[in-house]
Amino acid sequence: MYSFILTIHIIVCFLMVITILFQAGRSGGFQGIFGSSGEVIFSTPSGSSFLRKLTIGCGVAFGVTSLVLTVMTRARISQSVTLEYPIQTSPPPQPTQNAPAKPAQK
C-alpha cells in the first residue's frame, strides 16, 4: 500500500510541475518587481479554466498523498526496536574466580 501511494504521489508531483509550467505568467519576470503597479496582483488569472482546475486538483492530491505518506511512515517508525531484540531479564553470568596458584615445590 505504501509503495502504491508513493507512486501516485510521484506522478502527481510531475503532473503539477507540468501544469504549472504550461500556464502563462502574469508579468515578465522582473517587471512585476521593479515597475509594475499593484493591479497585476489583483487581476484575474490568465489561462484556461481547465489548467487552473487541473493545477488545483494536483495541489489537493499532492497535499492528501503527503499527509497519508507521513502518517504511514510514522506508523512504520514507531514500532519498538526491543521487539526484535528482547532485553535479557537474567543477569549476565559472573566470572568465576580461580583459587590462587600454589607455589611450585622443589
Foldseek 3Di string as FASTA:
>chain_A
DLVVLVVVLVVLVVQLVVLVVPADDLDDPCCVVPPDDPVSVVDDGDDDVVSVVSNVVSVVSNVVSVVVNVVVVVVVVPDDPCVVPPDDPDDDDDDDDDDDDDDDDD
